[in-house]
Each structure stands twice: as structure tokens, then as C-alpha cells.
Amino acid sequence: MFGEGNRFPFAQKMVVNNIGKKQPVSPTGIMVAVIRAWSDISKGIMALYLAVLEIELGIGSSERDIEKFGFTMRQAEKVLKRYEDRYGEVIRFRDENGKFNLKILAGGQLCMLKHEQEVVKKILMRLGGYKGVFPE
């Protein structure tokens, strides 16, 4: 569990709270499941970020844009909702207004995201102002 502390605050907390105990403490089944799903949860967070960038650029928010641009807010929220349903007791996904929140997820609930080269390229291009369709 000690090695997972780089990725998850709940793992850090578990280690700190139990480091001096004589009896070993094991993570719960849901904690283990979250650790195993780290890569997929990371993809969902990056999908949300890409969707936010596309909305800020005025693209990717209409039905016809789904085919053209890939990620939309609805698609990203659908992916994150699936993980929230499974792991919501360990990871907080939403802010106090009930919206998925990047600041809570990236750097808050997950300290480190798994690098997904293709999604990262798209994010960087959107950050640079690119409004076109990505070649597949």
C-alpha cells in the first residue's frame, strides 16, 4: 500500500494511520479495486478535461460534433459516472454542486494520472487553440 501513496491520498492516509501498528492492516476490497482501475479512472479524468477544453473552444458540445470531435461532456460524464458508481465510497468525483470536478479528481483524489499519449496530444492541441478534427 505504501507504493500506492503516490497515486491515491486514501492510500497515503492508510499508511500514515497504521504505520506503527503491530498487526498488519490490509486495504479493503474497494480500495484494491480502485487501485486496479487507476488507468481507467485516469482516462475518464482526461476525457473530462478534453471535453471541458472543447466546450471552452466552442466545439464538441452538440450531437453532430460527437462523430467529428470525439469526447463530449456527456460522454466523459458517462464514463466517470460508471466509476463513481463503483468506487464512490473511496474516491470523491463531484463538487458540492453535484458536478464532476477536475480539481477534485486530478490532484485531489488521484495525485497522479496514467499517461495516455493520444489523449494527451489532443489536450495539448486544444490548449494550443486547435479547433479542427483530429485525424484517426
C-alpha atoms as a PDB file:
ATOM      1  CA  MET A   1       0.000   0.000   0.000  1.00  0.00           C
ATOM      2  CA  PHE A   2       2.930   2.295   0.686  1.00  0.00           C
ATOM      3  CA  GLY A   3       3.796   2.432  -3.034  1.00  0.00           C
ATOM      4  CA  GLU A   4       0.251   3.437  -3.967  1.00  0.00           C
ATOM      5  CA  GLY A   5       0.511   6.609  -1.891  1.00  0.00           C
ATOM      6  CA  ASN A   6       1.930   8.445  -4.897  1.00  0.00           C
ATOM      7  CA  ARG A   7      -1.346   7.906  -6.720  1.00  0.00           C
ATOM      8  CA  PHE A   8      -4.049   7.934  -4.051  1.00  0.00           C
ATOM      9  CA  PRO A   9      -4.482  10.084  -0.931  1.00  0.00           C
ATOM     10  CA  PHE A  10      -6.556   7.321   0.681  1.00  0.00           C
ATOM     11  CA  ALA A  11      -3.518   5.030   0.409  1.00  0.00           C
ATOM     12  CA  GLN A  12      -1.269   7.684   1.973  1.00  0.00           C
ATOM     13  CA  LYS A  13      -3.729   8.138   4.815  1.00  0.00           C
ATOM     14  CA  MET A  14      -3.998   4.400   5.426  1.00  0.00           C
ATOM     15  CA  VAL A  15      -0.226   4.021   5.633  1.00  0.00           C
ATOM     16  CA  VAL A  16       0.238   7.039   7.915  1.00  0.00           C
ATOM     17  CA  ASN A  17      -2.593   5.968  10.221  1.00  0.00           C
ATOM     18  CA  ASN A  18      -1.321   2.399  10.538  1.00  0.00           C
ATOM     19  CA  ILE A  19       2.462   2.637  10.253  1.00  0.00           C
ATOM     20  CA  GLY A  20       3.165   1.981  13.926  1.00  0.00           C
ATOM     21  CA  LYS A  21       0.692  -0.847  14.432  1.00  0.00           C
ATOM     22  CA  LYS A  22       1.941  -4.290  15.308  1.00  0.00           C
ATOM     23  CA  GLN A  23      -0.830  -6.052  13.416  1.00  0.00           C
ATOM     24  CA  PRO A  24      -0.714  -5.658   9.634  1.00  0.00           C
ATOM     25  CA  VAL A  25      -3.619  -3.744   8.149  1.00  0.00           C
ATOM     26  CA  SER A  26      -4.898  -4.663   4.713  1.00  0.00           C
ATOM     27  CA  PRO A  27      -6.735  -2.420   2.269  1.00  0.00           C
ATOM     28  CA  THR A  28     -10.423  -3.067   1.788  1.00  0.00           C
ATOM     29  CA  GLY A  29     -11.666  -4.793  -1.346  1.00  0.00           C
ATOM     30  CA  ILE A  30     -12.943  -1.499  -2.744  1.00  0.00           C
ATOM     31  CA  MET A  31      -9.521   0.116  -2.197  1.00  0.00           C
ATOM     32  CA  VAL A  32      -7.859  -2.697  -4.107  1.00  0.00           C
ATOM     33  CA  ALA A  33     -10.430  -2.346  -6.902  1.00  0.00           C
ATOM     34  CA  VAL A  34      -9.761   1.409  -7.164  1.00  0.00           C
ATOM     35  CA  ILE A  35      -6.022   0.801  -7.372  1.00  0.00           C
ATOM     36  CA  ARG A  36      -6.550  -1.728 -10.150  1.00  0.00           C
ATOM     37  CA  ALA A  37      -8.853   0.689 -12.017  1.00  0.00           C
ATOM     38  CA  TRP A  38      -6.384   3.584 -11.780  1.00  0.00           C
ATOM     39  CA  SER A  39      -5.623   3.546 -15.505  1.00  0.00           C
ATOM     40  CA  ASP A  40      -9.302   3.571 -16.496  1.00  0.00           C
ATOM     41  CA  ILE A  41     -10.212   6.284 -13.979  1.00  0.00           C
ATOM     42  CA  SER A  42      -7.294   8.346 -15.314  1.00  0.00           C
ATOM     43  CA  LYS A  43      -8.703   8.021 -18.845  1.00  0.00           C
ATOM     44  CA  GLY A  44     -12.072   9.247 -17.597  1.00  0.00           C
ATOM     45  CA  ILE A  45     -10.487  12.283 -15.960  1.00  0.00           C
ATOM     46  CA  MET A  46      -8.541  13.131 -19.124  1.00  0.00           C
ATOM     47  CA  ALA A  47     -11.729  12.693 -21.167  1.00  0.00           C
ATOM     48  CA  LEU A  48     -13.431  15.212 -18.882  1.00  0.00           C
ATOM     49  CA  TYR A  49     -10.545  17.649 -19.293  1.00  0.00           C
ATOM     50  CA  LEU A  50     -10.645  17.317 -23.069  1.00  0.00           C
ATOM     51  CA  ALA A  51     -14.418  17.852 -23.056  1.00  0.00           C
ATOM     52  CA  VAL A  52     -14.039  20.995 -20.923  1.00  0.00           C
ATOM     53  CA  LEU A  53     -11.397  22.352 -23.310  1.00  0.00           C
ATOM     54  CA  GLU A  54     -13.586  21.626 -26.335  1.00  0.00           C
ATOM     55  CA  ILE A  55     -16.564  23.386 -24.757  1.00  0.00           C
ATOM     56  CA  GLU A  56     -14.363  26.379 -23.925  1.00  0.00           C
ATOM     57  CA  LEU A  57     -13.313  26.457 -27.588  1.00  0.00           C
ATOM     58  CA  GLY A  58     -16.960  26.215 -28.693  1.00  0.00           C
ATOM     59  CA  ILE A  59     -16.683  22.725 -30.175  1.00  0.00           C
ATOM     60  CA  GLY A  60     -17.717  19.236 -29.202  1.00  0.00           C
ATOM     61  CA  SER A  61     -20.912  20.202 -27.412  1.00  0.00           C
ATOM     62  CA  SER A  62     -23.589  19.379 -29.999  1.00  0.00           C
ATOM     63  CA  GLU A  63     -24.833  15.965 -31.130  1.00  0.00           C
ATOM     64  CA  ARG A  64     -23.283  16.278 -34.586  1.00  0.00           C
ATOM     65  CA  ASP A  65     -19.923  17.088 -33.026  1.00  0.00           C
ATOM     66  CA  ILE A  66     -19.765  13.678 -31.321  1.00  0.00           C
ATOM     67  CA  GLU A  67     -18.748  11.992 -34.579  1.00  0.00           C
ATOM     68  CA  LYS A  68     -16.365  14.789 -35.541  1.00  0.00           C
ATOM     69  CA  PHE A  69     -14.610  15.609 -32.303  1.00  0.00           C
ATOM     70  CA  GLY A  70     -14.731  12.532 -30.090  1.00  0.00           C
ATOM     71  CA  PHE A  71     -15.094  13.461 -26.452  1.00  0.00           C
ATOM     72  CA  THR A  72     -18.048  15.484 -25.321  1.00  0.00           C
ATOM     73  CA  MET A  73     -19.036  16.412 -21.814  1.00  0.00           C
ATOM     74  CA  ARG A  74     -21.849  13.834 -21.824  1.00  0.00           C
ATOM     75  CA  GLN A  75     -19.501  11.060 -22.910  1.00  0.00           C
ATOM     76  CA  ALA A  76     -16.916  11.990 -20.278  1.00  0.00           C
ATOM     77  CA  GLU A  77     -19.564  12.204 -17.555  1.00  0.00           C
ATOM     78  CA  LYS A  78     -20.960   8.817 -18.562  1.00  0.00           C
ATOM     79  CA  VAL A  79     -17.528   7.229 -18.158  1.00  0.00           C
ATOM     80  CA  LEU A  80     -16.906   8.928 -14.807  1.00  0.00           C
ATOM     81  CA  LYS A  81     -20.408   8.056 -13.542  1.00  0.00           C
ATOM     82  CA  ARG A  82     -19.638   4.386 -14.121  1.00  0.00           C
ATOM     83  CA  TYR A  83     -16.540   4.662 -11.912  1.00  0.00           C
ATOM     84  CA  GLU A  84     -18.331   6.809  -9.369  1.00  0.00           C
ATOM     85  CA  ASP A  85     -20.993   4.114  -9.011  1.00  0.00           C
ATOM     86  CA  ARG A  86     -18.299   1.509  -8.368  1.00  0.00           C
ATOM     87  CA  TYR A  87     -15.778   3.465  -6.312  1.00  0.00           C
ATOM     88  CA  GLY A  88     -17.632   6.473  -4.919  1.00  0.00           C
ATOM     89  CA  GLU A  89     -17.164   5.366  -1.338  1.00  0.00           C
ATOM     90  CA  VAL A  90     -13.382   5.696  -1.715  1.00  0.00           C
ATOM     91  CA  ILE A  91     -12.988   8.480  -4.317  1.00  0.00           C
ATOM     92  CA  ARG A  92     -14.953  11.726  -4.439  1.00  0.00           C
ATOM     93  CA  PHE A  93     -15.886  12.620  -8.004  1.00  0.00           C
ATOM     94  CA  ARG A  94     -18.140  15.677  -7.637  1.00  0.00           C
ATOM     95  CA  ASP A  95     -18.076  19.097  -6.066  1.00  0.00           C
ATOM     96  CA  GLU A  96     -20.664  20.388  -3.606  1.00  0.00           C
ATOM     97  CA  ASN A  97     -22.907  21.375  -6.551  1.00  0.00           C
ATOM     98  CA  GLY A  98     -23.025  17.796  -7.815  1.00  0.00           C
ATOM     99  CA  LYS A  99     -20.840  18.404 -10.877  1.00  0.00           C
ATOM    100  CA  PHE A 100     -17.823  16.338 -11.849  1.00  0.00           C
ATOM    101  CA  ASN A 101     -14.840  18.447 -10.895  1.00  0.00           C
ATOM    102  CA  LEU A 102     -11.338  18.287 -12.377  1.00  0.00           C
ATOM    103  CA  LYS A 103      -9.716  19.961  -9.379  1.00  0.00           C
ATOM    104  CA  ILE A 104     -11.219  17.395  -7.036  1.00  0.00           C
ATOM    105  CA  LEU A 105     -10.278  14.474  -9.269  1.00  0.00           C
ATOM    106  CA  ALA A 106      -6.880  15.398 -10.712  1.00  0.00           C
ATOM    107  CA  GLY A 107      -4.508  16.309  -7.919  1.00  0.00           C
ATOM    108  CA  GLY A 108      -7.142  15.755  -5.266  1.00  0.00           C
ATOM    109  CA  GLN A 109      -8.487  12.224  -5.367  1.00  0.00           C
ATOM    110  CA  LEU A 110      -5.840  10.985  -7.789  1.00  0.00           C
ATOM    111  CA  CYS A 111      -2.430  12.525  -7.240  1.00  0.00           C
ATOM    112  CA  MET A 112      -1.025  11.148 -10.467  1.00  0.00           C
ATOM    113  CA  LEU A 113      -2.751  10.227 -13.731  1.00  0.00           C
ATOM    114  CA  LYS A 114      -1.674   7.484 -16.075  1.00  0.00           C
ATOM    115  CA  HIS A 115      -0.226   8.953 -19.250  1.00  0.00           C
ATOM    116  CA  GLU A 116      -2.366   8.231 -22.306  1.00  0.00           C
ATOM    117  CA  GLN A 117      -0.336   9.515 -25.220  1.00  0.00           C
ATOM    118  CA  GLU A 118      -3.166  10.030 -27.718  1.00  0.00           C
ATOM    119  CA  VAL A 119      -5.445  11.848 -25.293  1.00  0.00           C
ATOM    120  CA  VAL A 120      -2.575  13.987 -24.002  1.00  0.00           C
ATOM    121  CA  LYS A 121      -1.717  15.014 -27.582  1.00  0.00           C
ATOM    122  CA  LYS A 122      -5.334  16.075 -28.123  1.00  0.00           C
ATOM    123  CA  ILE A 123      -5.382  18.008 -24.852  1.00  0.00           C
ATOM    124  CA  LEU A 124      -2.175  19.825 -25.756  1.00  0.00           C
ATOM    125  CA  MET A 125      -3.510  20.673 -29.205  1.00  0.00           C
ATOM    126  CA  ARG A 126      -6.753  22.045 -27.702  1.00  0.00           C
ATOM    127  CA  LEU A 127      -4.746  24.059 -25.182  1.00  0.00           C
ATOM    128  CA  GLY A 128      -2.927  25.494 -28.177  1.00  0.00           C
ATOM    129  CA  GLY A 129      -6.263  26.575 -29.690  1.00  0.00           C
ATOM    130  CA  TYR A 130      -6.678  23.850 -32.312  1.00  0.00           C
ATOM    131  CA  LYS A 131     -10.369  23.600 -33.289  1.00  0.00           C
ATOM    132  CA  GLY A 132     -10.111  21.066 -36.070  1.00  0.00           C
ATOM    133  CA  VAL A 133     -10.918  17.386 -36.235  1.00  0.00           C
ATOM    134  CA  PHE A 134      -8.219  15.009 -35.047  1.00  0.00           C
ATOM    135  CA  PRO A 135      -7.058  12.525 -37.673  1.00  0.00           C
ATOM    136  CA  GLU A 136      -7.705   8.936 -36.659  1.00  0.00           C
END
